[in-house]
Amino acid sequence: MTKIVMAPESEFPELAEAGGVGNALPAGDLAGLQLSPAPIYEKWILSGNPSATSKILARSPDGGSTTVLWDCTSGSFYWHYRQDEHVLFLSGDAYLLEENGTEQRFTAGDFAFFPAGTVAKWRVDHRVRKIAFLREPMWRLAVPAVAAWNKVMRRLGLSRRTPWTRISCKADFYRTLAEKH
């Protein structure tokens, strides 16, 4: 059972003063979430009848990043990554089938990264569950412009606090708390 736990601000007044706990992910038991059908394109299926479901857990204010809980039953299929995807496997097994015939096994606790544009061939023998952190790729030359824009907005006091800012404050608070005790 995988849980995401966030401490209530009322228990840590110092944390509330530092900017709050934030809500980057919903607190609670991931196993109890209702997932919606997320069919794999029929042309991508190589064997079996893999059935995928998913649920969006969080989305950044600008829409550029999304966190998704994804689940799939047994089968073999291609997957085309349209966005950069960081993956953390929660349960089950999945096998990445390499072009040279070798397999790479992924199981609970394994982490992987697939850049946008990657095409992977997967085999799932039993149900697999993962959290995927999706990010829209940004044109390299735009990165400095976006960073400069964000800096100007912060200096003008016009930027909104994001959940990540609050998580950073939370991490600083826990480091301070640990140093005190």
N, C-alpha and C. Protein backbone atom coordinates (compact mmCIF):
# COMPACT_ATOMS: atom_id res chain seq x y z
N MET A 1 0.85 -1.17 0.00
CA MET A 1 0.00 0.00 0.00
C MET A 1 0.89 1.23 0.00
N THR A 2 0.74 2.07 -1.02
CA THR A 2 1.53 3.28 -1.14
C THR A 2 0.70 4.46 -0.67
N LYS A 3 1.27 5.23 0.24
CA LYS A 3 0.56 6.40 0.74
C LYS A 3 1.41 7.64 0.54
N ILE A 4 0.72 8.72 0.32
CA ILE A 4 1.37 10.03 0.28
C ILE A 4 0.82 10.78 1.48
N VAL A 5 1.70 11.18 2.36
CA VAL A 5 1.24 11.82 3.59
C VAL A 5 1.80 13.23 3.66
N MET A 6 0.93 14.16 3.97
CA MET A 6 1.36 15.53 4.17
C MET A 6 0.87 15.98 5.54
N ALA A 7 1.75 16.55 6.31
CA ALA A 7 1.39 16.97 7.66
C ALA A 7 0.46 18.18 7.61
N PRO A 8 -0.55 18.20 8.46
CA PRO A 8 -1.41 19.39 8.51
C PRO A 8 -0.65 20.58 9.09
N GLU A 9 -0.90 21.76 8.53
CA GLU A 9 -0.20 22.96 8.98
C GLU A 9 -0.44 23.24 10.45
N SER A 10 -1.62 22.85 10.97
CA SER A 10 -1.94 23.13 12.36
C SER A 10 -0.96 22.46 13.32
N GLU A 11 -0.35 21.35 12.89
CA GLU A 11 0.61 20.66 13.75
C GLU A 11 1.97 21.34 13.75
N PHE A 12 2.24 22.17 12.72
CA PHE A 12 3.53 22.81 12.58
C PHE A 12 3.35 24.29 12.26
N PRO A 13 3.11 25.13 13.27
CA PRO A 13 2.89 26.55 12.99
C PRO A 13 4.08 27.19 12.28
N GLU A 14 5.30 26.71 12.56
CA GLU A 14 6.47 27.28 11.89
C GLU A 14 6.39 27.04 10.38
N LEU A 15 5.84 25.90 10.02
CA LEU A 15 5.71 25.55 8.61
C LEU A 15 4.71 26.48 7.93
N ALA A 16 3.62 26.78 8.60
CA ALA A 16 2.62 27.69 8.05
C ALA A 16 3.24 29.07 7.81
N GLU A 17 4.08 29.51 8.75
CA GLU A 17 4.74 30.80 8.60
C GLU A 17 5.73 30.80 7.45
N ALA A 18 6.32 29.63 7.18
CA ALA A 18 7.32 29.52 6.11
C ALA A 18 6.68 29.40 4.73
N GLY A 19 5.38 29.37 4.65
CA GLY A 19 4.75 29.33 3.34
C GLY A 19 3.78 28.19 3.17
N GLY A 20 3.62 27.36 4.14
CA GLY A 20 2.61 26.32 4.07
C GLY A 20 3.14 25.00 3.57
N VAL A 21 2.27 24.02 3.68
CA VAL A 21 2.60 22.66 3.30
C VAL A 21 2.52 22.47 1.80
N GLY A 22 1.54 23.05 1.15
CA GLY A 22 1.37 22.85 -0.28
C GLY A 22 0.55 21.61 -0.55
N ASN A 23 0.10 21.48 -1.75
CA ASN A 23 -0.73 20.35 -2.14
C ASN A 23 -0.26 19.81 -3.48
N ALA A 24 1.00 19.50 -3.62
CA ALA A 24 1.52 19.01 -4.89
C ALA A 24 0.86 17.70 -5.26
N LEU A 25 0.58 16.85 -4.29
CA LEU A 25 -0.11 15.59 -4.52
C LEU A 25 -1.18 15.44 -3.46
N PRO A 26 -2.27 14.78 -3.80
CA PRO A 26 -3.31 14.60 -2.77
C PRO A 26 -2.83 13.67 -1.68
N ALA A 27 -3.18 13.96 -0.45
CA ALA A 27 -2.83 13.07 0.64
C ALA A 27 -3.75 11.86 0.58
N GLY A 28 -3.25 10.73 0.96
CA GLY A 28 -4.11 9.55 1.03
C GLY A 28 -3.51 8.33 0.40
N ASP A 29 -4.33 7.32 0.29
CA ASP A 29 -3.94 6.01 -0.18
C ASP A 29 -4.12 5.92 -1.69
N LEU A 30 -3.04 5.71 -2.43
CA LEU A 30 -3.13 5.62 -3.88
C LEU A 30 -3.93 4.40 -4.32
N ALA A 31 -3.93 3.33 -3.52
CA ALA A 31 -4.64 2.12 -3.89
C ALA A 31 -6.15 2.35 -3.94
N GLY A 32 -6.65 3.32 -3.19
CA GLY A 32 -8.08 3.57 -3.14
C GLY A 32 -8.60 4.51 -4.22
N LEU A 33 -7.71 5.05 -5.06
CA LEU A 33 -8.15 5.99 -6.09
C LEU A 33 -8.86 5.28 -7.23
N GLN A 34 -9.90 5.91 -7.76
CA GLN A 34 -10.60 5.38 -8.92
C GLN A 34 -9.86 5.86 -10.17
N LEU A 35 -9.41 4.93 -10.99
CA LEU A 35 -8.73 5.27 -12.24
C LEU A 35 -9.72 5.16 -13.39
N SER A 36 -9.48 5.94 -14.42
CA SER A 36 -10.34 5.94 -15.60
C SER A 36 -9.66 5.19 -16.74
N PRO A 37 -10.44 4.62 -17.65
CA PRO A 37 -9.84 3.91 -18.78
C PRO A 37 -8.90 4.84 -19.56
N ALA A 38 -7.75 4.31 -19.95
CA ALA A 38 -6.76 5.02 -20.75
C ALA A 38 -6.27 4.04 -21.81
N PRO A 39 -7.12 3.73 -22.78
CA PRO A 39 -6.80 2.66 -23.74
C PRO A 39 -5.49 2.86 -24.48
N ILE A 40 -4.81 1.76 -24.70
CA ILE A 40 -3.59 1.76 -25.52
C ILE A 40 -4.07 1.66 -26.97
N TYR A 41 -3.51 2.48 -27.85
CA TYR A 41 -3.92 2.45 -29.24
C TYR A 41 -3.80 1.03 -29.79
N GLU A 42 -4.83 0.60 -30.48
CA GLU A 42 -4.89 -0.77 -30.99
C GLU A 42 -3.69 -1.10 -31.87
N LYS A 43 -3.22 -0.14 -32.68
CA LYS A 43 -2.07 -0.38 -33.57
C LYS A 43 -0.79 -0.63 -32.78
N TRP A 44 -0.74 -0.16 -31.52
CA TRP A 44 0.46 -0.33 -30.71
C TRP A 44 0.53 -1.70 -30.05
N ILE A 45 -0.59 -2.39 -29.92
CA ILE A 45 -0.64 -3.68 -29.20
C ILE A 45 -0.03 -4.78 -30.05
N LEU A 46 0.92 -5.50 -29.46
CA LEU A 46 1.61 -6.58 -30.16
C LEU A 46 1.01 -7.94 -29.81
N SER A 47 0.64 -8.14 -28.53
CA SER A 47 0.04 -9.40 -28.12
C SER A 47 -0.77 -9.19 -26.84
N GLY A 48 -1.69 -10.11 -26.59
CA GLY A 48 -2.53 -10.02 -25.40
C GLY A 48 -3.59 -8.95 -25.56
N ASN A 49 -4.17 -8.58 -24.44
CA ASN A 49 -5.21 -7.56 -24.41
C ASN A 49 -4.94 -6.61 -23.25
N PRO A 50 -3.82 -5.85 -23.32
CA PRO A 50 -3.50 -4.96 -22.20
C PRO A 50 -4.56 -3.88 -22.04
N SER A 51 -4.98 -3.70 -20.80
CA SER A 51 -5.97 -2.70 -20.47
C SER A 51 -5.34 -1.70 -19.50
N ALA A 52 -5.27 -0.44 -19.91
CA ALA A 52 -4.64 0.59 -19.09
C ALA A 52 -5.68 1.52 -18.49
N THR A 53 -5.39 1.97 -17.27
CA THR A 53 -6.21 2.98 -16.60
C THR A 53 -5.28 4.03 -16.01
N SER A 54 -5.81 5.22 -15.76
CA SER A 54 -4.95 6.27 -15.20
C SER A 54 -5.79 7.30 -14.45
N LYS A 55 -5.07 8.13 -13.70
CA LYS A 55 -5.70 9.27 -13.00
C LYS A 55 -4.65 10.36 -12.86
N ILE A 56 -5.04 11.57 -13.23
CA ILE A 56 -4.15 12.71 -13.04
C ILE A 56 -4.16 13.06 -11.56
N LEU A 57 -2.98 13.09 -10.95
CA LEU A 57 -2.85 13.41 -9.53
C LEU A 57 -2.57 14.89 -9.30
N ALA A 58 -1.81 15.50 -10.22
CA ALA A 58 -1.46 16.91 -10.07
C ALA A 58 -1.07 17.48 -11.41
N ARG A 59 -1.24 18.80 -11.54
CA ARG A 59 -0.85 19.49 -12.76
C ARG A 59 -0.28 20.84 -12.35
N SER A 60 0.83 21.24 -12.99
CA SER A 60 1.43 22.53 -12.65
C SER A 60 0.52 23.66 -13.14
N PRO A 61 0.63 24.83 -12.52
CA PRO A 61 -0.23 25.95 -12.91
C PRO A 61 -0.11 26.32 -14.39
N ASP A 62 1.07 26.14 -14.97
CA ASP A 62 1.25 26.49 -16.38
C ASP A 62 0.87 25.34 -17.32
N GLY A 63 0.51 24.18 -16.76
CA GLY A 63 0.11 23.04 -17.58
C GLY A 63 1.26 22.29 -18.21
N GLY A 64 2.49 22.70 -17.92
CA GLY A 64 3.65 22.07 -18.53
C GLY A 64 4.06 20.75 -17.89
N SER A 65 3.62 20.51 -16.66
CA SER A 65 3.98 19.27 -15.95
C SER A 65 2.73 18.63 -15.38
N THR A 66 2.69 17.31 -15.44
CA THR A 66 1.55 16.56 -14.93
C THR A 66 2.06 15.31 -14.21
N THR A 67 1.41 14.94 -13.12
CA THR A 67 1.72 13.70 -12.41
C THR A 67 0.53 12.78 -12.57
N VAL A 68 0.80 11.55 -13.05
CA VAL A 68 -0.26 10.61 -13.38
C VAL A 68 -0.01 9.27 -12.70
N LEU A 69 -1.06 8.68 -12.15
CA LEU A 69 -1.01 7.30 -11.67
C LEU A 69 -1.50 6.45 -12.83
N TRP A 70 -0.73 5.43 -13.22
CA TRP A 70 -1.05 4.62 -14.40
C TRP A 70 -0.95 3.15 -14.04
N ASP A 71 -1.84 2.36 -14.58
CA ASP A 71 -1.98 0.95 -14.26
C ASP A 71 -2.23 0.20 -15.56
N CYS A 72 -1.67 -1.00 -15.72
CA CYS A 72 -1.87 -1.76 -16.96
C CYS A 72 -1.87 -3.26 -16.67
N THR A 73 -2.76 -3.99 -17.36
CA THR A 73 -2.81 -5.45 -17.25
C THR A 73 -1.85 -6.06 -18.26
N SER A 74 -1.77 -7.39 -18.28
CA SER A 74 -0.78 -8.09 -19.09
C SER A 74 -0.99 -7.90 -20.59
N GLY A 75 0.14 -7.91 -21.29
CA GLY A 75 0.17 -7.78 -22.74
C GLY A 75 1.51 -7.22 -23.18
N SER A 76 1.68 -7.13 -24.47
CA SER A 76 2.90 -6.59 -25.05
C SER A 76 2.49 -5.47 -26.02
N PHE A 77 3.21 -4.35 -25.96
CA PHE A 77 2.80 -3.20 -26.77
C PHE A 77 3.95 -2.22 -26.94
N TYR A 78 3.80 -1.38 -27.95
CA TYR A 78 4.70 -0.24 -28.13
C TYR A 78 4.12 0.93 -27.35
N TRP A 79 5.00 1.80 -26.85
CA TRP A 79 4.54 3.03 -26.22
C TRP A 79 5.34 4.18 -26.82
N HIS A 80 4.62 5.19 -27.30
CA HIS A 80 5.23 6.38 -27.89
C HIS A 80 5.15 7.51 -26.87
N TYR A 81 6.29 7.97 -26.42
CA TYR A 81 6.35 9.02 -25.41
C TYR A 81 6.29 10.39 -26.09
N ARG A 82 5.18 11.10 -25.89
CA ARG A 82 4.99 12.42 -26.50
C ARG A 82 5.59 13.52 -25.62
N GLN A 83 5.79 13.23 -24.34
CA GLN A 83 6.36 14.18 -23.39
C GLN A 83 7.54 13.50 -22.71
N ASP A 84 8.42 14.29 -22.10
CA ASP A 84 9.45 13.71 -21.24
C ASP A 84 8.71 13.01 -20.10
N GLU A 85 9.15 11.80 -19.77
CA GLU A 85 8.45 11.06 -18.72
C GLU A 85 9.45 10.42 -17.75
N HIS A 86 9.33 10.82 -16.48
CA HIS A 86 10.05 10.18 -15.39
C HIS A 86 9.06 9.20 -14.78
N VAL A 87 9.48 7.97 -14.55
CA VAL A 87 8.57 6.92 -14.08
C VAL A 87 9.09 6.30 -12.80
N LEU A 88 8.20 6.13 -11.82
CA LEU A 88 8.51 5.40 -10.60
C LEU A 88 7.53 4.23 -10.54
N PHE A 89 8.05 3.02 -10.59
CA PHE A 89 7.20 1.83 -10.55
C PHE A 89 6.79 1.54 -9.11
N LEU A 90 5.50 1.32 -8.90
CA LEU A 90 4.96 1.09 -7.57
C LEU A 90 4.72 -0.38 -7.28
N SER A 91 4.28 -1.15 -8.29
CA SER A 91 4.00 -2.57 -8.09
C SER A 91 4.01 -3.28 -9.43
N GLY A 92 4.13 -4.60 -9.37
CA GLY A 92 4.13 -5.41 -10.58
C GLY A 92 5.47 -5.40 -11.27
N ASP A 93 5.51 -6.00 -12.45
CA ASP A 93 6.72 -6.08 -13.26
C ASP A 93 6.41 -5.64 -14.68
N ALA A 94 7.35 -4.96 -15.30
CA ALA A 94 7.26 -4.61 -16.71
C ALA A 94 8.64 -4.81 -17.31
N TYR A 95 8.68 -5.25 -18.54
CA TYR A 95 9.94 -5.53 -19.22
C TYR A 95 10.07 -4.64 -20.44
N LEU A 96 11.17 -3.89 -20.49
CA LEU A 96 11.49 -3.07 -21.64
C LEU A 96 12.27 -3.98 -22.58
N LEU A 97 11.75 -4.17 -23.78
CA LEU A 97 12.37 -5.08 -24.75
C LEU A 97 13.27 -4.27 -25.67
N GLU A 98 14.57 -4.55 -25.59
CA GLU A 98 15.55 -3.82 -26.39
C GLU A 98 15.58 -4.36 -27.82
N GLU A 99 16.06 -3.55 -28.76
CA GLU A 99 16.14 -3.97 -30.16
C GLU A 99 17.05 -5.17 -30.35
N ASN A 100 18.07 -5.30 -29.51
CA ASN A 100 19.02 -6.43 -29.64
C ASN A 100 18.50 -7.71 -29.01
N GLY A 101 17.24 -7.70 -28.51
CA GLY A 101 16.63 -8.90 -27.95
C GLY A 101 16.74 -9.02 -26.44
N THR A 102 17.52 -8.16 -25.79
CA THR A 102 17.62 -8.23 -24.33
C THR A 102 16.41 -7.55 -23.69
N GLU A 103 16.17 -7.89 -22.44
CA GLU A 103 15.07 -7.31 -21.68
C GLU A 103 15.60 -6.62 -20.44
N GLN A 104 14.97 -5.52 -20.09
CA GLN A 104 15.30 -4.84 -18.84
C GLN A 104 14.05 -4.87 -17.98
N ARG A 105 14.16 -5.46 -16.80
CA ARG A 105 13.02 -5.62 -15.90
C ARG A 105 12.89 -4.40 -14.98
N PHE A 106 11.65 -3.93 -14.84
CA PHE A 106 11.33 -2.85 -13.92
C PHE A 106 10.32 -3.38 -12.92
N THR A 107 10.56 -3.12 -11.64
CA THR A 107 9.67 -3.57 -10.58
C THR A 107 9.55 -2.46 -9.53
N ALA A 108 8.76 -2.70 -8.50
CA ALA A 108 8.50 -1.67 -7.48
C ALA A 108 9.79 -1.01 -7.00
N GLY A 109 9.79 0.31 -7.00
CA GLY A 109 10.95 1.09 -6.56
C GLY A 109 11.88 1.50 -7.68
N ASP A 110 11.75 0.90 -8.87
CA ASP A 110 12.62 1.26 -9.99
C ASP A 110 12.17 2.58 -10.60
N PHE A 111 13.15 3.33 -11.10
CA PHE A 111 12.92 4.65 -11.65
C PHE A 111 13.53 4.69 -13.05
N ALA A 112 12.88 5.35 -13.99
CA ALA A 112 13.40 5.45 -15.36
C ALA A 112 13.01 6.80 -15.95
N PHE A 113 13.72 7.18 -17.00
CA PHE A 113 13.41 8.41 -17.74
C PHE A 113 13.33 8.09 -19.22
N PHE A 114 12.28 8.61 -19.88
CA PHE A 114 12.09 8.45 -21.31
C PHE A 114 11.87 9.83 -21.92
N PRO A 115 12.83 10.31 -22.73
CA PRO A 115 12.64 11.63 -23.35
C PRO A 115 11.52 11.60 -24.38
N ALA A 116 10.90 12.75 -24.59
CA ALA A 116 9.85 12.87 -25.61
C ALA A 116 10.40 12.37 -26.94
N GLY A 117 9.56 11.63 -27.66
CA GLY A 117 9.97 11.09 -28.95
C GLY A 117 10.44 9.65 -28.89
N THR A 118 10.67 9.13 -27.67
CA THR A 118 11.11 7.74 -27.50
C THR A 118 9.96 6.80 -27.86
N VAL A 119 10.30 5.70 -28.52
CA VAL A 119 9.33 4.63 -28.76
C VAL A 119 9.90 3.41 -28.06
N ALA A 120 9.13 2.82 -27.14
CA ALA A 120 9.59 1.67 -26.36
C ALA A 120 8.66 0.49 -26.59
N LYS A 121 9.23 -0.69 -26.54
CA LYS A 121 8.45 -1.93 -26.65
C LYS A 121 8.39 -2.55 -25.26
N TRP A 122 7.17 -2.73 -24.72
CA TRP A 122 6.97 -3.21 -23.36
C TRP A 122 6.27 -4.56 -23.34
N ARG A 123 6.62 -5.36 -22.33
CA ARG A 123 5.88 -6.58 -22.03
C ARG A 123 5.49 -6.53 -20.55
N VAL A 124 4.21 -6.73 -20.29
CA VAL A 124 3.70 -6.77 -18.91
C VAL A 124 3.10 -8.15 -18.72
N ASP A 125 3.67 -8.94 -17.77
CA ASP A 125 3.17 -10.29 -17.52
C ASP A 125 2.01 -10.29 -16.53
N HIS A 126 2.06 -9.39 -15.57
CA HIS A 126 1.02 -9.22 -14.56
C HIS A 126 0.80 -7.73 -14.40
N ARG A 127 -0.28 -7.37 -13.78
CA ARG A 127 -0.61 -5.95 -13.62
C ARG A 127 0.60 -5.16 -13.10
N VAL A 128 0.80 -3.97 -13.67
CA VAL A 128 1.87 -3.07 -13.26
C VAL A 128 1.25 -1.72 -12.93
N ARG A 129 1.82 -1.05 -11.94
CA ARG A 129 1.33 0.28 -11.54
C ARG A 129 2.54 1.18 -11.38
N LYS A 130 2.40 2.42 -11.88
CA LYS A 130 3.50 3.39 -11.80
C LYS A 130 2.95 4.78 -11.62
N ILE A 131 3.82 5.66 -11.15
CA ILE A 131 3.54 7.09 -11.16
C ILE A 131 4.44 7.66 -12.25
N ALA A 132 3.83 8.43 -13.14
CA ALA A 132 4.58 9.06 -14.22
C ALA A 132 4.57 10.57 -14.01
N PHE A 133 5.74 11.15 -14.10
CA PHE A 133 5.90 12.59 -14.00
C PHE A 133 6.17 13.09 -15.42
N LEU A 134 5.18 13.73 -16.03
CA LEU A 134 5.25 14.15 -17.43
C LEU A 134 5.60 15.63 -17.51
N ARG A 135 6.45 15.96 -18.47
CA ARG A 135 6.83 17.36 -18.67
C ARG A 135 6.88 17.64 -20.15
N GLU A 136 6.24 18.73 -20.54
CA GLU A 136 6.30 19.16 -21.92
C GLU A 136 7.73 19.59 -22.22
N PRO A 137 8.33 19.05 -23.27
CA PRO A 137 9.69 19.48 -23.59
C PRO A 137 9.68 20.94 -24.03
N MET A 138 10.74 21.65 -23.65
CA MET A 138 10.83 23.07 -23.99
C MET A 138 11.99 23.25 -24.96
N TRP A 139 11.79 24.06 -25.95
CA TRP A 139 12.83 24.36 -26.91
C TRP A 139 14.01 24.95 -26.14
N ARG A 140 15.20 24.39 -26.32
CA ARG A 140 16.38 24.78 -25.54
C ARG A 140 16.62 26.29 -25.50
N LEU A 141 16.42 26.96 -26.62
CA LEU A 141 16.68 28.40 -26.66
C LEU A 141 15.65 29.19 -25.86
N ALA A 142 14.50 28.59 -25.55
CA ALA A 142 13.47 29.28 -24.78
C ALA A 142 13.74 29.24 -23.28
N VAL A 143 14.55 28.29 -22.83
CA VAL A 143 14.79 28.12 -21.39
C VAL A 143 15.34 29.39 -20.74
N PRO A 144 16.38 30.03 -21.29
CA PRO A 144 16.88 31.26 -20.64
C PRO A 144 15.82 32.38 -20.64
N ALA A 145 15.03 32.46 -21.69
CA ALA A 145 13.99 33.50 -21.75
C ALA A 145 12.94 33.27 -20.67
N VAL A 146 12.53 32.03 -20.49
CA VAL A 146 11.53 31.72 -19.46
C VAL A 146 12.10 31.99 -18.07
N ALA A 147 13.35 31.60 -17.84
CA ALA A 147 14.00 31.85 -16.55
C ALA A 147 14.08 33.35 -16.27
N ALA A 148 14.44 34.13 -17.27
CA ALA A 148 14.53 35.59 -17.10
C ALA A 148 13.15 36.18 -16.81
N TRP A 149 12.14 35.73 -17.53
CA TRP A 149 10.76 36.20 -17.30
C TRP A 149 10.33 35.91 -15.87
N ASN A 150 10.57 34.69 -15.40
CA ASN A 150 10.19 34.31 -14.03
C ASN A 150 10.92 35.17 -13.01
N LYS A 151 12.19 35.48 -13.27
CA LYS A 151 12.97 36.30 -12.34
C LYS A 151 12.39 37.72 -12.27
N VAL A 152 12.05 38.28 -13.41
CA VAL A 152 11.45 39.62 -13.45
C VAL A 152 10.12 39.62 -12.69
N MET A 153 9.30 38.60 -12.93
CA MET A 153 7.99 38.53 -12.26
C MET A 153 8.16 38.41 -10.75
N ARG A 154 9.16 37.64 -10.29
CA ARG A 154 9.42 37.52 -8.85
C ARG A 154 9.84 38.86 -8.27
N ARG A 155 10.73 39.56 -8.96
CA ARG A 155 11.21 40.85 -8.46
C ARG A 155 10.11 41.90 -8.40
N LEU A 156 9.15 41.79 -9.31
CA LEU A 156 8.02 42.72 -9.31
C LEU A 156 6.95 42.30 -8.33
N GLY A 157 7.14 41.14 -7.72
CA GLY A 157 6.16 40.63 -6.77
C GLY A 157 4.90 40.11 -7.43
N LEU A 158 4.99 39.77 -8.70
CA LEU A 158 3.81 39.34 -9.44
C LEU A 158 3.73 37.82 -9.62
N SER A 159 4.76 37.12 -9.16
CA SER A 159 4.73 35.66 -9.35
C SER A 159 3.89 35.03 -8.26
N ARG A 160 3.23 33.97 -8.64
CA ARG A 160 2.43 33.20 -7.69
C ARG A 160 3.32 32.16 -7.03
N ARG A 161 3.04 31.86 -5.78
CA ARG A 161 3.75 30.75 -5.13
C ARG A 161 3.24 29.48 -5.76
N THR A 162 4.14 28.60 -6.12
CA THR A 162 3.74 27.32 -6.69
C THR A 162 3.82 26.26 -5.61
N PRO A 163 3.20 25.10 -5.84
CA PRO A 163 3.33 24.01 -4.87
C PRO A 163 4.79 23.66 -4.62
N TRP A 164 5.63 23.78 -5.66
CA TRP A 164 7.05 23.40 -5.49
C TRP A 164 7.74 24.34 -4.52
N THR A 165 7.38 25.64 -4.56
CA THR A 165 7.94 26.59 -3.61
C THR A 165 7.58 26.17 -2.20
N ARG A 166 6.32 25.78 -2.02
CA ARG A 166 5.86 25.40 -0.70
C ARG A 166 6.53 24.11 -0.24
N ILE A 167 6.76 23.19 -1.16
CA ILE A 167 7.44 21.95 -0.80
C ILE A 167 8.86 22.26 -0.37
N SER A 168 9.51 23.18 -1.09
CA SER A 168 10.86 23.59 -0.73
C SER A 168 10.87 24.17 0.68
N CYS A 169 9.88 25.01 1.00
CA CYS A 169 9.78 25.56 2.36
C CYS A 169 9.60 24.44 3.37
N LYS A 170 8.78 23.47 3.00
CA LYS A 170 8.53 22.34 3.89
C LYS A 170 9.84 21.58 4.16
N ALA A 171 10.62 21.35 3.10
CA ALA A 171 11.88 20.63 3.26
C ALA A 171 12.82 21.42 4.18
N ASP A 172 12.90 22.74 3.97
CA ASP A 172 13.74 23.58 4.83
C ASP A 172 13.28 23.50 6.28
N PHE A 173 11.95 23.51 6.49
CA PHE A 173 11.41 23.43 7.84
C PHE A 173 11.82 22.11 8.51
N TYR A 174 11.67 20.98 7.77
CA TYR A 174 12.01 19.68 8.36
C TYR A 174 13.51 19.57 8.65
N ARG A 175 14.36 20.17 7.78
CA ARG A 175 15.80 20.17 8.07
C ARG A 175 16.07 20.93 9.36
N THR A 176 15.44 22.10 9.50
CA THR A 176 15.60 22.91 10.71
C THR A 176 15.11 22.16 11.93
N LEU A 177 13.96 21.52 11.82
CA LEU A 177 13.38 20.74 12.91
C LEU A 177 14.33 19.61 13.32
N ALA A 178 14.90 18.91 12.33
CA ALA A 178 15.82 17.80 12.61
C ALA A 178 17.08 18.30 13.31
N GLU A 179 17.57 19.48 12.92
CA GLU A 179 18.77 20.04 13.54
C GLU A 179 18.52 20.40 15.00
N LYS A 180 17.27 20.83 15.33
CA LYS A 180 16.93 21.19 16.70
C LYS A 180 16.86 19.98 17.61
N HIS A 181 16.52 18.82 17.07
CA HIS A 181 16.30 17.63 17.91
C HIS A 181 17.35 16.63 17.73
